[in-house]
Structures are given as C-alpha cells and as structure tokens.
C-alpha cells in the first residue's frame, strides 16, 4: 500500500477536488429545490432522461439501497414525473421512465444550472481529455491512450 502523500501540492489538489464537488452539489441542490425536488429526486429524474432504467441499476449508479430508490420513484411518480413500465426483455422487471412532464422538468433543471451543468466549460477539449485520463488513473481505471 502506498504511503499517503501530504506534500503541499497534494493537499491543495485534494482540497480543490473537494471544493469542485461541494460546489457542484450545492448548486444542484439549489436548482432541485426550485423545482420542488430533493437533490436525489433530481439526480434520478436526470438519469432517467437518458433511458428507462431498472430501479436496481439506479441504486447501483447512485450507490444507495434499492429501497431508497423505490421511495424516490414513488414520490416522482406521485407528482406525475415518472412512470413504471414492464421491461420488454423481462416482464418481471419494472423500468422507471420519465413522463413528458418529467422530461420537461429535467430539461428546465439542467437549463437552470450554471457550474453544475458545465463545470468544465473553461477547459479546452485537450485539457478535458487530460483531466479525464488523470481522474481515471486516480480511480484505478485504464485511461485510453490519447490520439496525438
């Protein structure tokens, strides 16, 4: 196991990463509240706009218990933002999917974000690629070799 680095540069980088994450979540929570949603509800709704998703997969992506996702989906469904559908590939599985109102709400939520919508707006494509590859290395994931 590697010895933790406590040099000033490492400490500064870790603090900056924490600041970026905190700023993202704070803005996301504020935007969600303007739409009478919790941050978790807003994240689930945004996730569902990509594709209808089984609740177990939502729980995996959010790193929470499936019972928490069931409660979130129940509340979104009660507001008419989400519906449950049978999975066409396995009718025993229910997919959560946004309704038209849910898609509109998710779009409005995204449009109301500034930093959280595009925290990398000031970076070039090359800088974003380098950052992505460095973050993947930090997480122990293989980063693709960048085309030069």
C-alpha atoms as a PDB file:
ATOM      1  CA  UNK A   1       0.000   0.000   0.000  1.00  0.00           C
ATOM      2  CA  UNK A   2       1.377   3.400  -0.965  1.00  0.00           C
ATOM      3  CA  UNK A   3       2.273   5.896   1.709  1.00  0.00           C
ATOM      4  CA  UNK A   4      -0.169   8.816   1.709  1.00  0.00           C
ATOM      5  CA  UNK A   5       1.288  11.995   0.271  1.00  0.00           C
ATOM      6  CA  UNK A   6       0.967  15.047   2.444  1.00  0.00           C
ATOM      7  CA  UNK A   7       3.084  17.470   0.456  1.00  0.00           C
ATOM      8  CA  UNK A   8       1.516  20.928  -0.077  1.00  0.00           C
ATOM      9  CA  UNK A   9       0.703  20.303  -3.748  1.00  0.00           C
ATOM     10  CA  UNK A  10      -1.160  17.064  -2.992  1.00  0.00           C
ATOM     11  CA  UNK A  11      -3.081  18.717  -0.165  1.00  0.00           C
ATOM     12  CA  UNK A  12      -4.025  21.617  -2.458  1.00  0.00           C
ATOM     13  CA  UNK A  13      -5.197  19.279  -5.256  1.00  0.00           C
ATOM     14  CA  UNK A  14      -7.310  17.232  -2.842  1.00  0.00           C
ATOM     15  CA  UNK A  15      -8.859  20.407  -1.392  1.00  0.00           C
ATOM     16  CA  UNK A  16      -9.610  21.726  -4.902  1.00  0.00           C
ATOM     17  CA  UNK A  17     -11.297  18.450  -5.882  1.00  0.00           C
ATOM     18  CA  UNK A  18     -13.391  18.658  -2.708  1.00  0.00           C
ATOM     19  CA  UNK A  19     -14.313  22.265  -3.485  1.00  0.00           C
ATOM     20  CA  UNK A  20     -15.415  21.363  -7.030  1.00  0.00           C
ATOM     21  CA  UNK A  21     -17.581  18.509  -5.724  1.00  0.00           C
ATOM     22  CA  UNK A  22     -19.102  20.659  -2.967  1.00  0.00           C
ATOM     23  CA  UNK A  23     -19.859  23.492  -5.392  1.00  0.00           C
ATOM     24  CA  UNK A  24     -21.465  21.078  -7.863  1.00  0.00           C
ATOM     25  CA  UNK A  25     -23.713  19.531  -5.209  1.00  0.00           C
ATOM     26  CA  UNK A  26     -24.659  22.877  -3.630  1.00  0.00           C
ATOM     27  CA  UNK A  27     -25.779  24.318  -6.961  1.00  0.00           C
ATOM     28  CA  UNK A  28     -27.556  21.109  -7.922  1.00  0.00           C
ATOM     29  CA  UNK A  29     -29.448  21.065  -4.593  1.00  0.00           C
ATOM     30  CA  UNK A  30     -30.496  24.716  -5.057  1.00  0.00           C
ATOM     31  CA  UNK A  31     -31.721  24.089  -8.596  1.00  0.00           C
ATOM     32  CA  UNK A  32     -33.617  20.967  -7.485  1.00  0.00           C
ATOM     33  CA  UNK A  33     -35.318  22.892  -4.664  1.00  0.00           C
ATOM     34  CA  UNK A  34     -36.552  25.495  -7.170  1.00  0.00           C
ATOM     35  CA  UNK A  35     -38.416  22.641  -8.856  1.00  0.00           C
ATOM     36  CA  UNK A  36     -39.670  21.287  -5.501  1.00  0.00           C
ATOM     37  CA  UNK A  37     -37.355  18.290  -5.785  1.00  0.00           C
ATOM     38  CA  UNK A  38     -34.704  16.915  -3.496  1.00  0.00           C
ATOM     39  CA  UNK A  39     -31.238  16.538  -4.951  1.00  0.00           C
ATOM     40  CA  UNK A  40     -31.690  12.756  -5.067  1.00  0.00           C
ATOM     41  CA  UNK A  41     -35.014  13.092  -6.900  1.00  0.00           C
ATOM     42  CA  UNK A  42     -33.443  15.471  -9.409  1.00  0.00           C
ATOM     43  CA  UNK A  43     -30.496  13.117  -9.995  1.00  0.00           C
ATOM     44  CA  UNK A  44     -32.832  10.157 -10.572  1.00  0.00           C
ATOM     45  CA  UNK A  45     -35.023  12.171 -12.930  1.00  0.00           C
ATOM     46  CA  UNK A  46     -31.975  13.338 -14.896  1.00  0.00           C
ATOM     47  CA  UNK A  47     -30.644   9.791 -15.054  1.00  0.00           C
ATOM     48  CA  UNK A  48     -33.969   8.503 -16.371  1.00  0.00           C
ATOM     49  CA  UNK A  49     -33.995  11.023 -19.225  1.00  0.00           C
ATOM     50  CA  UNK A  50     -31.065   9.075 -20.708  1.00  0.00           C
ATOM     51  CA  UNK A  51     -33.068   5.832 -20.848  1.00  0.00           C
ATOM     52  CA  UNK A  52     -35.727   3.942 -18.882  1.00  0.00           C
ATOM     53  CA  UNK A  53     -33.832   2.129 -16.147  1.00  0.00           C
ATOM     54  CA  UNK A  54     -34.499  -0.706 -13.689  1.00  0.00           C
ATOM     55  CA  UNK A  55     -34.539   0.557 -10.116  1.00  0.00           C
ATOM     56  CA  UNK A  56     -31.734  -1.799  -9.100  1.00  0.00           C
ATOM     57  CA  UNK A  57     -29.449  -0.194 -11.711  1.00  0.00           C
ATOM     58  CA  UNK A  58     -30.425   3.285 -10.489  1.00  0.00           C
ATOM     59  CA  UNK A  59     -29.430   2.229  -6.970  1.00  0.00           C
ATOM     60  CA  UNK A  60     -26.086   0.956  -8.271  1.00  0.00           C
ATOM     61  CA  UNK A  61     -25.394   4.215 -10.105  1.00  0.00           C
ATOM     62  CA  UNK A  62     -26.339   6.326  -7.092  1.00  0.00           C
ATOM     63  CA  UNK A  63     -24.557   3.935  -4.720  1.00  0.00           C
ATOM     64  CA  UNK A  64     -27.566   3.571  -2.443  1.00  0.00           C
ATOM     65  CA  UNK A  65     -30.008   0.899  -1.332  1.00  0.00           C
ATOM     66  CA  UNK A  66     -32.744  -0.182  -3.783  1.00  0.00           C
ATOM     67  CA  UNK A  67     -35.378   0.623  -1.111  1.00  0.00           C
ATOM     68  CA  UNK A  68     -34.217   4.270  -1.184  1.00  0.00           C
ATOM     69  CA  UNK A  69     -34.701   4.351  -4.946  1.00  0.00           C
ATOM     70  CA  UNK A  70     -38.182   2.844  -4.575  1.00  0.00           C
ATOM     71  CA  UNK A  71     -39.140   5.733  -2.283  1.00  0.00           C
ATOM     72  CA  UNK A  72     -37.696   8.311  -4.667  1.00  0.00           C
ATOM     73  CA  UNK A  73     -39.522   6.752  -7.630  1.00  0.00           C
ATOM     74  CA  UNK A  74     -42.765   6.608  -5.590  1.00  0.00           C
ATOM     75  CA  UNK A  75     -42.543  10.360  -4.898  1.00  0.00           C
ATOM     76  CA  UNK A  76     -41.657  11.224  -8.501  1.00  0.00           C
ATOM     77  CA  UNK A  77     -44.492   9.003  -9.739  1.00  0.00           C
ATOM     78  CA  UNK A  78     -46.961  10.694  -7.358  1.00  0.00           C
ATOM     79  CA  UNK A  79     -46.002  14.034  -8.929  1.00  0.00           C
ATOM     80  CA  UNK A  80     -46.531  12.673 -12.445  1.00  0.00           C
ATOM     81  CA  UNK A  81     -42.842  12.961 -13.378  1.00  0.00           C
ATOM     82  CA  UNK A  82     -42.036   9.247 -13.627  1.00  0.00           C
ATOM     83  CA  UNK A  83     -43.890   6.059 -14.509  1.00  0.00           C
ATOM     84  CA  UNK A  84     -43.115   2.397 -14.053  1.00  0.00           C
ATOM     85  CA  UNK A  85     -43.199   0.143 -17.125  1.00  0.00           C
ATOM     86  CA  UNK A  86     -42.540  -3.535 -17.656  1.00  0.00           C
ATOM     87  CA  UNK A  87     -39.147  -4.242 -19.218  1.00  0.00           C
ATOM     88  CA  UNK A  88     -39.836  -5.526 -22.752  1.00  0.00           C
ATOM     89  CA  UNK A  89     -36.949  -8.012 -22.339  1.00  0.00           C
ATOM     90  CA  UNK A  90     -38.063  -9.340 -18.936  1.00  0.00           C
ATOM     91  CA  UNK A  91     -41.624  -8.556 -17.871  1.00  0.00           C
ATOM     92  CA  UNK A  92     -40.779  -9.399 -14.242  1.00  0.00           C
ATOM     93  CA  UNK A  93     -38.561  -6.281 -14.148  1.00  0.00           C
ATOM     94  CA  UNK A  94     -40.042  -2.799 -13.870  1.00  0.00           C
ATOM     95  CA  UNK A  95     -38.352   0.116 -15.596  1.00  0.00           C
ATOM     96  CA  UNK A  96     -38.653   3.649 -14.298  1.00  0.00           C
ATOM     97  CA  UNK A  97     -39.135   6.149 -17.120  1.00  0.00           C
ATOM     98  CA  UNK A  98     -39.817   9.880 -17.210  1.00  0.00           C
ATOM     99  CA  UNK A  99     -43.199  11.121 -18.329  1.00  0.00           C
ATOM    100  CA  UNK A 100     -43.398  14.084 -20.671  1.00  0.00           C
ATOM    101  CA  UNK A 101     -43.703  16.358 -17.618  1.00  0.00           C
ATOM    102  CA  UNK A 102     -40.666  14.617 -16.156  1.00  0.00           C
ATOM    103  CA  UNK A 103     -38.610  15.259 -19.310  1.00  0.00           C
ATOM    104  CA  UNK A 104     -39.652  18.927 -19.315  1.00  0.00           C
ATOM    105  CA  UNK A 105     -38.787  19.287 -15.621  1.00  0.00           C
ATOM    106  CA  UNK A 106     -35.397  17.607 -16.123  1.00  0.00           C
ATOM    107  CA  UNK A 107     -34.657  19.914 -19.060  1.00  0.00           C
ATOM    108  CA  UNK A 108     -35.624  23.012 -17.057  1.00  0.00           C
ATOM    109  CA  UNK A 109     -33.479  21.799 -14.184  1.00  0.00           C
ATOM    110  CA  UNK A 110     -30.465  21.355 -16.487  1.00  0.00           C
ATOM    111  CA  UNK A 111     -31.036  24.770 -18.046  1.00  0.00           C
ATOM    112  CA  UNK A 112     -31.139  26.430 -14.610  1.00  0.00           C
ATOM    113  CA  UNK A 113     -27.691  25.096 -13.731  1.00  0.00           C
ATOM    114  CA  UNK A 114     -24.529  27.046 -14.348  1.00  0.00           C
ATOM    115  CA  UNK A 115     -21.448  25.488 -12.803  1.00  0.00           C
ATOM    116  CA  UNK A 116     -23.087  22.104 -12.182  1.00  0.00           C
ATOM    117  CA  UNK A 117     -24.244  21.846 -15.777  1.00  0.00           C
ATOM    118  CA  UNK A 118     -20.844  22.515 -17.270  1.00  0.00           C
ATOM    119  CA  UNK A 119     -18.114  22.664 -14.629  1.00  0.00           C
ATOM    120  CA  UNK A 120     -15.502  22.165 -17.341  1.00  0.00           C
ATOM    121  CA  UNK A 121     -16.686  24.946 -19.664  1.00  0.00           C
ATOM    122  CA  UNK A 122     -13.451  26.903 -19.297  1.00  0.00           C
ATOM    123  CA  UNK A 123     -11.294  23.931 -20.319  1.00  0.00           C
ATOM    124  CA  UNK A 124     -10.360  23.032 -23.893  1.00  0.00           C
ATOM    125  CA  UNK A 125     -11.098  19.582 -25.341  1.00  0.00           C
ATOM    126  CA  UNK A 126      -7.434  18.665 -24.834  1.00  0.00           C
ATOM    127  CA  UNK A 127      -7.488  19.815 -21.197  1.00  0.00           C
ATOM    128  CA  UNK A 128     -10.712  17.865 -20.514  1.00  0.00           C
ATOM    129  CA  UNK A 129      -9.152  14.764 -22.072  1.00  0.00           C
ATOM    130  CA  UNK A 130      -6.061  15.071 -19.875  1.00  0.00           C
ATOM    131  CA  UNK A 131      -8.224  15.635 -16.783  1.00  0.00           C
ATOM    132  CA  UNK A 132     -10.420  12.624 -17.634  1.00  0.00           C
ATOM    133  CA  UNK A 133      -7.399  10.396 -18.083  1.00  0.00           C
ATOM    134  CA  UNK A 134      -5.821  11.585 -14.813  1.00  0.00           C
ATOM    135  CA  UNK A 135      -9.068  11.009 -12.901  1.00  0.00           C
ATOM    136  CA  UNK A 136      -9.358   7.518 -14.368  1.00  0.00           C
ATOM    137  CA  UNK A 137      -5.794   6.795 -13.243  1.00  0.00           C
ATOM    138  CA  UNK A 138      -6.628   8.045  -9.762  1.00  0.00           C
ATOM    139  CA  UNK A 139      -9.585   5.659  -9.672  1.00  0.00           C
ATOM    140  CA  UNK A 140      -7.517   2.750 -10.955  1.00  0.00           C
ATOM    141  CA  UNK A 141      -9.284   2.593 -14.289  1.00  0.00           C
ATOM    142  CA  UNK A 142      -7.491   2.217 -17.569  1.00  0.00           C
ATOM    143  CA  UNK A 143      -7.314   5.514 -19.432  1.00  0.00           C
ATOM    144  CA  UNK A 144      -7.285   5.311 -23.220  1.00  0.00           C
ATOM    145  CA  UNK A 145      -4.164   6.489 -24.961  1.00  0.00           C
ATOM    146  CA  UNK A 146      -4.901   9.952 -26.304  1.00  0.00           C
ATOM    147  CA  UNK A 147      -4.510  10.423 -30.036  1.00  0.00           C
ATOM    148  CA  UNK A 148      -1.691  12.837 -30.782  1.00  0.00           C
END
